[in-house]
Amino acid sequence: MALPNVEIPRYELTLPSQDEKVQFRPFLVKEEKILLMAMESKDNKEIVSATKQILNACTFDKLNINTLPMFDIEYILLQVRSKSVGEVSKFRVLCPDDKETLVEVELDLSKVNVNVDDDHTNKIVIDEKRNLGLVLNYPSLETSQAGFDMDDKDIDSVFNIIISCVDHIYEGDKIFPAKDSTKEELKDFVESLSQQAFKSIKTFFDTMPQLRHEIEVENPKTKIKSKVAFKGLQDFFS
């Protein structure tokens, strides 16, 4: 005899990067297990593969997951999780003052938002007199497929990240879309930039929107109160 179907509720969120409503459903047990196992492995390709698989299912295949900015991906995952296991989750955090005492805290996931730096811009000015510069896109899941780390000591990896995020280069009224240039041409262009221009690119990545929430914790041993920041998927799924 066939078993009864389980009804799964639908919810709605607004993507942080744009004013677009998205319907979603909670994780199924098997889906959260897949994601948690991937994150525990700390293997970037496994995490990306699991994320893509689960988000496509939980958003009813209505989004192009590969092209969404990573902060959209993180926000959707957190909203899905909050509706799956409860909006209030418990975490164990390390007290910053002695860096050895662990305390348990509760965090309302529904209050976590994507934070945007007031000075953040994706337009990098290279030469004001020539009106020369470039416009960058945010790293996507596809960018992360190869491992996204702007602090990587491998300079080739850093350049590959930058190149993959270039939307277009401009000079005056002329626009040069990145898709019309080869990877080698883009690499040569980036390598020709001044240190100041390269620093501006680094600032773009350092200040781009991110999932972040700050809470106050009190060390039970020292009675000292400190601020602890949760940011990125690893912190919210730990």
C-alpha atoms as a PDB file:
ATOM      1  CA  MET A   1       0.000   0.000   0.000  1.00  0.00           C
ATOM      2  CA  ALA A   2       1.375   3.402  -0.978  1.00  0.00           C
ATOM      3  CA  LEU A   3       2.362   5.691   1.881  1.00  0.00           C
ATOM      4  CA  PRO A   4       0.814   9.195   2.106  1.00  0.00           C
ATOM      5  CA  ASN A   5       2.676  12.146   0.599  1.00  0.00           C
ATOM      6  CA  VAL A   6       4.236  14.733   2.902  1.00  0.00           C
ATOM      7  CA  GLU A   7       3.172  18.296   2.096  1.00  0.00           C
ATOM      8  CA  ILE A   8       6.104  20.704   1.922  1.00  0.00           C
ATOM      9  CA  PRO A   9       5.387  24.432   2.556  1.00  0.00           C
ATOM     10  CA  ARG A  10       6.546  27.199   0.227  1.00  0.00           C
ATOM     11  CA  TYR A  11       8.034  30.513   1.332  1.00  0.00           C
ATOM     12  CA  GLU A  12       9.234  33.669  -0.418  1.00  0.00           C
ATOM     13  CA  LEU A  13      12.374  35.800  -0.179  1.00  0.00           C
ATOM     14  CA  THR A  14      13.868  38.760  -2.035  1.00  0.00           C
ATOM     15  CA  LEU A  15      17.314  38.347  -3.569  1.00  0.00           C
ATOM     16  CA  PRO A  16      19.766  40.824  -1.957  1.00  0.00           C
ATOM     17  CA  SER A  17      21.395  41.675  -5.295  1.00  0.00           C
ATOM     18  CA  GLN A  18      18.160  42.643  -7.012  1.00  0.00           C
ATOM     19  CA  ASP A  19      14.510  43.294  -6.305  1.00  0.00           C
ATOM     20  CA  GLU A  20      13.359  39.842  -7.341  1.00  0.00           C
ATOM     21  CA  LYS A  21      11.020  37.574  -5.386  1.00  0.00           C
ATOM     22  CA  VAL A  22      11.979  33.920  -5.171  1.00  0.00           C
ATOM     23  CA  GLN A  23       9.889  31.030  -3.900  1.00  0.00           C
ATOM     24  CA  PHE A  24      11.646  28.312  -1.937  1.00  0.00           C
ATOM     25  CA  ARG A  25      10.989  25.295   0.224  1.00  0.00           C
ATOM     26  CA  PRO A  26      12.845  23.874   3.254  1.00  0.00           C
ATOM     27  CA  PHE A  27      15.594  21.266   3.014  1.00  0.00           C
ATOM     28  CA  LEU A  28      14.540  17.663   3.019  1.00  0.00           C
ATOM     29  CA  VAL A  29      16.460  15.554   5.550  1.00  0.00           C
ATOM     30  CA  LYS A  30      18.549  13.917   2.825  1.00  0.00           C
ATOM     31  CA  GLU A  31      19.430  17.325   1.316  1.00  0.00           C
ATOM     32  CA  GLU A  32      20.718  18.902   4.510  1.00  0.00           C
ATOM     33  CA  LYS A  33      22.760  15.753   5.154  1.00  0.00           C
ATOM     34  CA  ILE A  34      24.385  16.102   1.722  1.00  0.00           C
ATOM     35  CA  LEU A  35      25.274  19.768   2.360  1.00  0.00           C
ATOM     36  CA  LEU A  36      26.604  19.249   5.894  1.00  0.00           C
ATOM     37  CA  MET A  37      28.767  16.316   4.766  1.00  0.00           C
ATOM     38  CA  ALA A  38      30.179  18.409   1.918  1.00  0.00           C
ATOM     39  CA  MET A  39      30.977  21.318   4.258  1.00  0.00           C
ATOM     40  CA  GLU A  40      32.618  19.012   6.791  1.00  0.00           C
ATOM     41  CA  SER A  41      34.868  17.685   4.032  1.00  0.00           C
ATOM     42  CA  LYS A  42      36.099  21.264   3.391  1.00  0.00           C
ATOM     43  CA  ASP A  43      36.508  20.227  -0.256  1.00  0.00           C
ATOM     44  CA  ASN A  44      35.503  23.255  -2.313  1.00  0.00           C
ATOM     45  CA  LYS A  45      34.310  21.270  -5.333  1.00  0.00           C
ATOM     46  CA  GLU A  46      32.142  19.039  -3.157  1.00  0.00           C
ATOM     47  CA  ILE A  47      30.628  22.082  -1.429  1.00  0.00           C
ATOM     48  CA  VAL A  48      29.877  23.781  -4.761  1.00  0.00           C
ATOM     49  CA  SER A  49      28.353  20.612  -6.226  1.00  0.00           C
ATOM     50  CA  ALA A  50      26.150  20.025  -3.160  1.00  0.00           C
ATOM     51  CA  THR A  51      25.108  23.697  -3.049  1.00  0.00           C
ATOM     52  CA  LYS A  52      24.100  23.705  -6.706  1.00  0.00           C
ATOM     53  CA  GLN A  53      22.150  20.460  -6.400  1.00  0.00           C
ATOM     54  CA  ILE A  54      20.243  21.505  -3.279  1.00  0.00           C
ATOM     55  CA  LEU A  55      19.487  25.097  -4.273  1.00  0.00           C
ATOM     56  CA  ASN A  56      18.127  24.047  -7.656  1.00  0.00           C
ATOM     57  CA  ALA A  57      15.770  21.642  -5.887  1.00  0.00           C
ATOM     58  CA  CYS A  58      14.739  24.065  -3.114  1.00  0.00           C
ATOM     59  CA  THR A  59      14.010  26.931  -5.540  1.00  0.00           C
ATOM     60  CA  PHE A  60      12.138  24.674  -7.996  1.00  0.00           C
ATOM     61  CA  ASP A  61      14.790  25.126 -10.724  1.00  0.00           C
ATOM     62  CA  LYS A  62      13.680  28.736 -11.263  1.00  0.00           C
ATOM     63  CA  LEU A  63      17.115  30.355 -10.819  1.00  0.00           C
ATOM     64  CA  ASN A  64      20.377  30.245 -12.721  1.00  0.00           C
ATOM     65  CA  ILE A  65      22.378  29.220  -9.667  1.00  0.00           C
ATOM     66  CA  ASN A  66      25.727  29.373 -11.500  1.00  0.00           C
ATOM     67  CA  THR A  67      25.514  33.095 -12.214  1.00  0.00           C
ATOM     68  CA  LEU A  68      24.136  34.404  -8.898  1.00  0.00           C
ATOM     69  CA  PRO A  69      26.572  36.371  -6.691  1.00  0.00           C
ATOM     70  CA  MET A  70      27.877  34.291  -3.803  1.00  0.00           C
ATOM     71  CA  PHE A  71      26.165  36.524  -1.242  1.00  0.00           C
ATOM     72  CA  ASP A  72      22.814  35.686  -2.899  1.00  0.00           C
ATOM     73  CA  ILE A  73      23.676  31.986  -2.667  1.00  0.00           C
ATOM     74  CA  GLU A  74      24.594  32.299   1.015  1.00  0.00           C
ATOM     75  CA  TYR A  75      21.436  34.262   1.815  1.00  0.00           C
ATOM     76  CA  ILE A  76      19.142  31.757   0.081  1.00  0.00           C
ATOM     77  CA  LEU A  77      20.821  28.832   1.844  1.00  0.00           C
ATOM     78  CA  LEU A  78      20.450  30.504   5.223  1.00  0.00           C
ATOM     79  CA  GLN A  79      16.767  31.265   4.612  1.00  0.00           C
ATOM     80  CA  VAL A  80      16.179  27.690   3.507  1.00  0.00           C
ATOM     81  CA  ARG A  81      17.920  26.388   6.602  1.00  0.00           C
ATOM     82  CA  SER A  82      15.976  28.681   8.949  1.00  0.00           C
ATOM     83  CA  LYS A  83      12.713  27.276   7.604  1.00  0.00           C
ATOM     84  CA  SER A  84      14.074  23.733   7.783  1.00  0.00           C
ATOM     85  CA  VAL A  85      15.477  23.457  11.308  1.00  0.00           C
ATOM     86  CA  GLY A  86      14.008  26.514  13.014  1.00  0.00           C
ATOM     87  CA  GLU A  87      14.830  30.203  12.933  1.00  0.00           C
ATOM     88  CA  VAL A  88      16.737  30.094  16.242  1.00  0.00           C
ATOM     89  CA  SER A  89      19.893  27.948  16.153  1.00  0.00           C
ATOM     90  CA  LYS A  90      22.493  27.214  18.804  1.00  0.00           C
ATOM     91  CA  PHE A  91      26.225  27.658  18.174  1.00  0.00           C
ATOM     92  CA  ARG A  92      29.387  27.205  20.200  1.00  0.00           C
ATOM     93  CA  VAL A  93      31.761  30.158  19.803  1.00  0.00           C
ATOM     94  CA  LEU A  94      35.257  30.891  21.039  1.00  0.00           C
ATOM     95  CA  CYS A  95      35.567  33.856  23.402  1.00  0.00           C
ATOM     96  CA  PRO A  96      37.876  36.431  21.754  1.00  0.00           C
ATOM     97  CA  ASP A  97      39.444  37.640  25.012  1.00  0.00           C
ATOM     98  CA  ASP A  98      41.181  34.387  25.989  1.00  0.00           C
ATOM     99  CA  LYS A  99      40.764  32.414  22.730  1.00  0.00           C
ATOM    100  CA  GLU A 100      40.173  29.175  24.622  1.00  0.00           C
ATOM    101  CA  THR A 101      36.751  29.311  26.320  1.00  0.00           C
ATOM    102  CA  LEU A 102      33.783  28.039  24.322  1.00  0.00           C
ATOM    103  CA  VAL A 103      30.296  29.343  25.076  1.00  0.00           C
ATOM    104  CA  GLU A 104      26.917  28.382  23.661  1.00  0.00           C
ATOM    105  CA  VAL A 105      24.894  31.147  22.019  1.00  0.00           C
ATOM    106  CA  GLU A 106      21.545  31.349  20.257  1.00  0.00           C
ATOM    107  CA  LEU A 107      21.196  33.127  16.931  1.00  0.00           C
ATOM    108  CA  ASP A 108      17.980  34.086  15.181  1.00  0.00           C
ATOM    109  CA  LEU A 109      18.740  33.241  11.552  1.00  0.00           C
ATOM    110  CA  SER A 110      15.778  35.283  10.334  1.00  0.00           C
ATOM    111  CA  LYS A 111      17.583  38.461  11.473  1.00  0.00           C
ATOM    112  CA  VAL A 112      20.757  37.772   9.523  1.00  0.00           C
ATOM    113  CA  ASN A 113      21.125  39.943   6.424  1.00  0.00           C
ATOM    114  CA  VAL A 114      23.627  40.715   3.711  1.00  0.00           C
ATOM    115  CA  ASN A 115      25.770  43.679   4.789  1.00  0.00           C
ATOM    116  CA  VAL A 116      26.975  46.239   2.248  1.00  0.00           C
ATOM    117  CA  ASP A 117      29.948  48.533   2.842  1.00  0.00           C
ATOM    118  CA  ASP A 118      28.999  52.201   2.244  1.00  0.00           C
ATOM    119  CA  ASP A 119      32.178  52.855   0.253  1.00  0.00           C
ATOM    120  CA  HIS A 120      31.890  49.726  -1.887  1.00  0.00           C
ATOM    121  CA  THR A 121      31.920  50.129  -5.674  1.00  0.00           C
ATOM    122  CA  ASN A 122      32.392  47.767  -8.598  1.00  0.00           C
ATOM    123  CA  LYS A 123      33.721  50.515 -10.861  1.00  0.00           C
ATOM    124  CA  ILE A 124      37.520  50.664 -10.808  1.00  0.00           C
ATOM    125  CA  VAL A 125      38.995  53.923 -12.166  1.00  0.00           C
ATOM    126  CA  ILE A 126      42.438  53.419 -13.701  1.00  0.00           C
ATOM    127  CA  ASP A 127      43.066  56.799 -15.352  1.00  0.00           C
ATOM    128  CA  GLU A 128      40.692  59.700 -14.657  1.00  0.00           C
ATOM    129  CA  LYS A 129      42.071  61.898 -17.468  1.00  0.00           C
ATOM    130  CA  ARG A 130      41.428  59.203 -20.085  1.00  0.00           C
ATOM    131  CA  ASN A 131      38.238  58.010 -18.328  1.00  0.00           C
ATOM    132  CA  LEU A 132      39.778  54.555 -18.384  1.00  0.00           C
ATOM    133  CA  GLY A 133      38.618  51.826 -16.038  1.00  0.00           C
ATOM    134  CA  LEU A 134      36.853  48.525 -15.605  1.00  0.00           C
ATOM    135  CA  VAL A 135      33.621  47.251 -14.074  1.00  0.00           C
ATOM    136  CA  LEU A 136      33.641  44.042 -12.057  1.00  0.00           C
ATOM    137  CA  ASN A 137      30.980  41.411 -11.461  1.00  0.00           C
ATOM    138  CA  TYR A 138      30.626  39.644  -8.120  1.00  0.00           C
ATOM    139  CA  PRO A 139      32.117  36.166  -7.756  1.00  0.00           C
ATOM    140  CA  SER A 140      29.563  33.493  -8.600  1.00  0.00           C
ATOM    141  CA  LEU A 141      29.251  29.805  -7.880  1.00  0.00           C
ATOM    142  CA  GLU A 142      31.132  29.173 -11.111  1.00  0.00           C
ATOM    143  CA  THR A 143      34.012  31.330  -9.854  1.00  0.00           C
ATOM    144  CA  SER A 144      34.016  29.372  -6.607  1.00  0.00           C
ATOM    145  CA  GLN A 145      34.205  26.105  -8.512  1.00  0.00           C
ATOM    146  CA  ALA A 146      37.934  26.658  -8.846  1.00  0.00           C
ATOM    147  CA  GLY A 147      38.300  27.964  -5.306  1.00  0.00           C
ATOM    148  CA  PHE A 148      37.690  31.600  -4.419  1.00  0.00           C
ATOM    149  CA  ASP A 149      40.402  33.093  -2.229  1.00  0.00           C
ATOM    150  CA  MET A 150      41.724  36.594  -2.871  1.00  0.00           C
ATOM    151  CA  ASP A 151      44.397  36.023  -0.198  1.00  0.00           C
ATOM    152  CA  ASP A 152      45.784  33.042  -2.082  1.00  0.00           C
ATOM    153  CA  LYS A 153      49.581  33.266  -2.254  1.00  0.00           C
ATOM    154  CA  ASP A 154      49.495  31.830  -5.776  1.00  0.00           C
ATOM    155  CA  ILE A 155      49.412  34.990  -7.890  1.00  0.00           C
ATOM    156  CA  ASP A 156      48.071  33.102 -10.919  1.00  0.00           C
ATOM    157  CA  SER A 157      45.024  32.028  -8.892  1.00  0.00           C
ATOM    158  CA  VAL A 158      44.382  35.630  -7.850  1.00  0.00           C
ATOM    159  CA  PHE A 159      44.620  36.844 -11.449  1.00  0.00           C
ATOM    160  CA  ASN A 160      42.242  34.108 -12.603  1.00  0.00           C
ATOM    161  CA  ILE A 161      39.670  35.247 -10.038  1.00  0.00           C
ATOM    162  CA  ILE A 162      39.954  38.880 -11.159  1.00  0.00           C
ATOM    163  CA  ILE A 163      39.736  37.991 -14.850  1.00  0.00           C
ATOM    164  CA  SER A 164      36.654  35.830 -14.291  1.00  0.00           C
ATOM    165  CA  CYS A 165      34.914  38.782 -12.589  1.00  0.00           C
ATOM    166  CA  VAL A 166      35.615  41.451 -15.240  1.00  0.00           C
ATOM    167  CA  ASP A 167      32.367  42.558 -16.879  1.00  0.00           C
ATOM    168  CA  HIS A 168      33.840  45.156 -19.185  1.00  0.00           C
ATOM    169  CA  ILE A 169      36.645  47.674 -19.667  1.00  0.00           C
ATOM    170  CA  TYR A 170      35.821  51.225 -20.721  1.00  0.00           C
ATOM    171  CA  GLU A 171      37.714  54.198 -22.171  1.00  0.00           C
ATOM    172  CA  GLY A 172      35.722  57.365 -22.757  1.00  0.00           C
ATOM    173  CA  ASP A 173      32.527  56.318 -24.525  1.00  0.00           C
ATOM    174  CA  LYS A 174      33.987  53.017 -25.707  1.00  0.00           C
ATOM    175  CA  ILE A 175      32.986  49.766 -23.996  1.00  0.00           C
ATOM    176  CA  PHE A 176      35.054  46.592 -24.296  1.00  0.00           C
ATOM    177  CA  PRO A 177      33.005  43.612 -22.996  1.00  0.00           C
ATOM    178  CA  ALA A 178      35.135  40.933 -21.344  1.00  0.00           C
ATOM    179  CA  LYS A 179      33.323  38.216 -23.314  1.00  0.00           C
ATOM    180  CA  ASP A 180      34.772  39.702 -26.525  1.00  0.00           C
ATOM    181  CA  SER A 181      38.358  39.333 -25.279  1.00  0.00           C
ATOM    182  CA  THR A 182      40.487  36.250 -24.730  1.00  0.00           C
ATOM    183  CA  LYS A 183      41.620  35.210 -21.274  1.00  0.00           C
ATOM    184  CA  GLU A 184      45.187  36.052 -22.269  1.00  0.00           C
ATOM    185  CA  GLU A 185      44.207  39.573 -23.382  1.00  0.00           C
ATOM    186  CA  LEU A 186      42.424  40.204 -20.088  1.00  0.00           C
ATOM    187  CA  LYS A 187      45.385  38.848 -18.152  1.00  0.00           C
ATOM    188  CA  ASP A 188      47.784  41.149 -20.027  1.00  0.00           C
ATOM    189  CA  PHE A 189      45.504  44.112 -19.266  1.00  0.00           C
ATOM    190  CA  VAL A 190      45.320  43.344 -15.535  1.00  0.00           C
ATOM    191  CA  GLU A 191      49.081  42.758 -15.337  1.00  0.00           C
ATOM    192  CA  SER A 192      49.655  46.214 -16.860  1.00  0.00           C
ATOM    193  CA  LEU A 193      47.743  47.986 -14.074  1.00  0.00           C
ATOM    194  CA  SER A 194      49.433  50.217 -11.517  1.00  0.00           C
ATOM    195  CA  GLN A 195      49.743  49.109  -7.892  1.00  0.00           C
ATOM    196  CA  GLN A 196      47.090  51.682  -6.942  1.00  0.00           C
ATOM    197  CA  ALA A 197      44.593  50.306  -9.472  1.00  0.00           C
ATOM    198  CA  PHE A 198      45.299  46.745  -8.328  1.00  0.00           C
ATOM    199  CA  LYS A 199      44.744  47.843  -4.716  1.00  0.00           C
ATOM    200  CA  SER A 200      41.328  49.232  -5.737  1.00  0.00           C
ATOM    201  CA  ILE A 201      40.436  45.846  -7.217  1.00  0.00           C
ATOM    202  CA  LYS A 202      41.486  44.151  -3.984  1.00  0.00           C
ATOM    203  CA  THR A 203      39.288  46.617  -2.059  1.00  0.00           C
ATOM    204  CA  PHE A 204      36.331  45.632  -4.255  1.00  0.00           C
ATOM    205  CA  PHE A 205      36.664  42.017  -3.115  1.00  0.00           C
ATOM    206  CA  ASP A 206      37.385  42.925   0.511  1.00  0.00           C
ATOM    207  CA  THR A 207      34.298  45.152   0.834  1.00  0.00           C
ATOM    208  CA  MET A 208      31.776  43.356  -1.364  1.00  0.00           C
ATOM    209  CA  PRO A 209      28.413  42.419   0.217  1.00  0.00           C
ATOM    210  CA  GLN A 210      28.523  39.459   2.564  1.00  0.00           C
ATOM    211  CA  LEU A 211      26.310  37.510   4.895  1.00  0.00           C
ATOM    212  CA  ARG A 212      27.285  38.842   8.319  1.00  0.00           C
ATOM    213  CA  HIS A 213      25.837  39.103  11.824  1.00  0.00           C
ATOM    214  CA  GLU A 214      27.490  40.293  15.036  1.00  0.00           C
ATOM    215  CA  ILE A 215      26.570  39.183  18.549  1.00  0.00           C
ATOM    216  CA  GLU A 216      27.899  39.915  22.039  1.00  0.00           C
ATOM    217  CA  VAL A 217      29.250  37.053  24.152  1.00  0.00           C
ATOM    218  CA  GLU A 218      30.360  37.029  27.772  1.00  0.00           C
ATOM    219  CA  ASN A 219      33.255  34.851  28.874  1.00  0.00           C
ATOM    220  CA  PRO A 220      31.990  32.966  31.984  1.00  0.00           C
ATOM    221  CA  LYS A 221      35.538  32.761  33.334  1.00  0.00           C
ATOM    222  CA  THR A 222      36.707  36.350  32.869  1.00  0.00           C
ATOM    223  CA  LYS A 223      33.278  38.059  32.710  1.00  0.00           C
ATOM    224  CA  ILE A 224      34.590  40.046  29.755  1.00  0.00           C
ATOM    225  CA  LYS A 225      32.073  40.849  27.000  1.00  0.00           C
ATOM    226  CA  SER A 226      33.222  40.748  23.395  1.00  0.00           C
ATOM    227  CA  LYS A 227      31.772  41.008  19.910  1.00  0.00           C
ATOM    228  CA  VAL A 228      31.785  37.905  17.718  1.00  0.00           C
ATOM    229  CA  ALA A 229      30.980  38.079  14.023  1.00  0.00           C
ATOM    230  CA  PHE A 230      29.356  35.294  12.024  1.00  0.00           C
ATOM    231  CA  LYS A 231      30.103  35.553   8.315  1.00  0.00           C
ATOM    232  CA  GLY A 232      29.976  33.215   5.368  1.00  0.00           C
ATOM    233  CA  LEU A 233      28.381  29.798   5.126  1.00  0.00           C
ATOM    234  CA  GLN A 234      30.952  27.967   7.242  1.00  0.00           C
ATOM    235  CA  ASP A 235      30.074  30.028  10.335  1.00  0.00           C
ATOM    236  CA  PHE A 236      26.310  29.661   9.966  1.00  0.00           C
ATOM    237  CA  PHE A 237      26.426  25.939   9.214  1.00  0.00           C
ATOM    238  CA  SER A 238      28.998  24.989  11.855  1.00  0.00           C
END
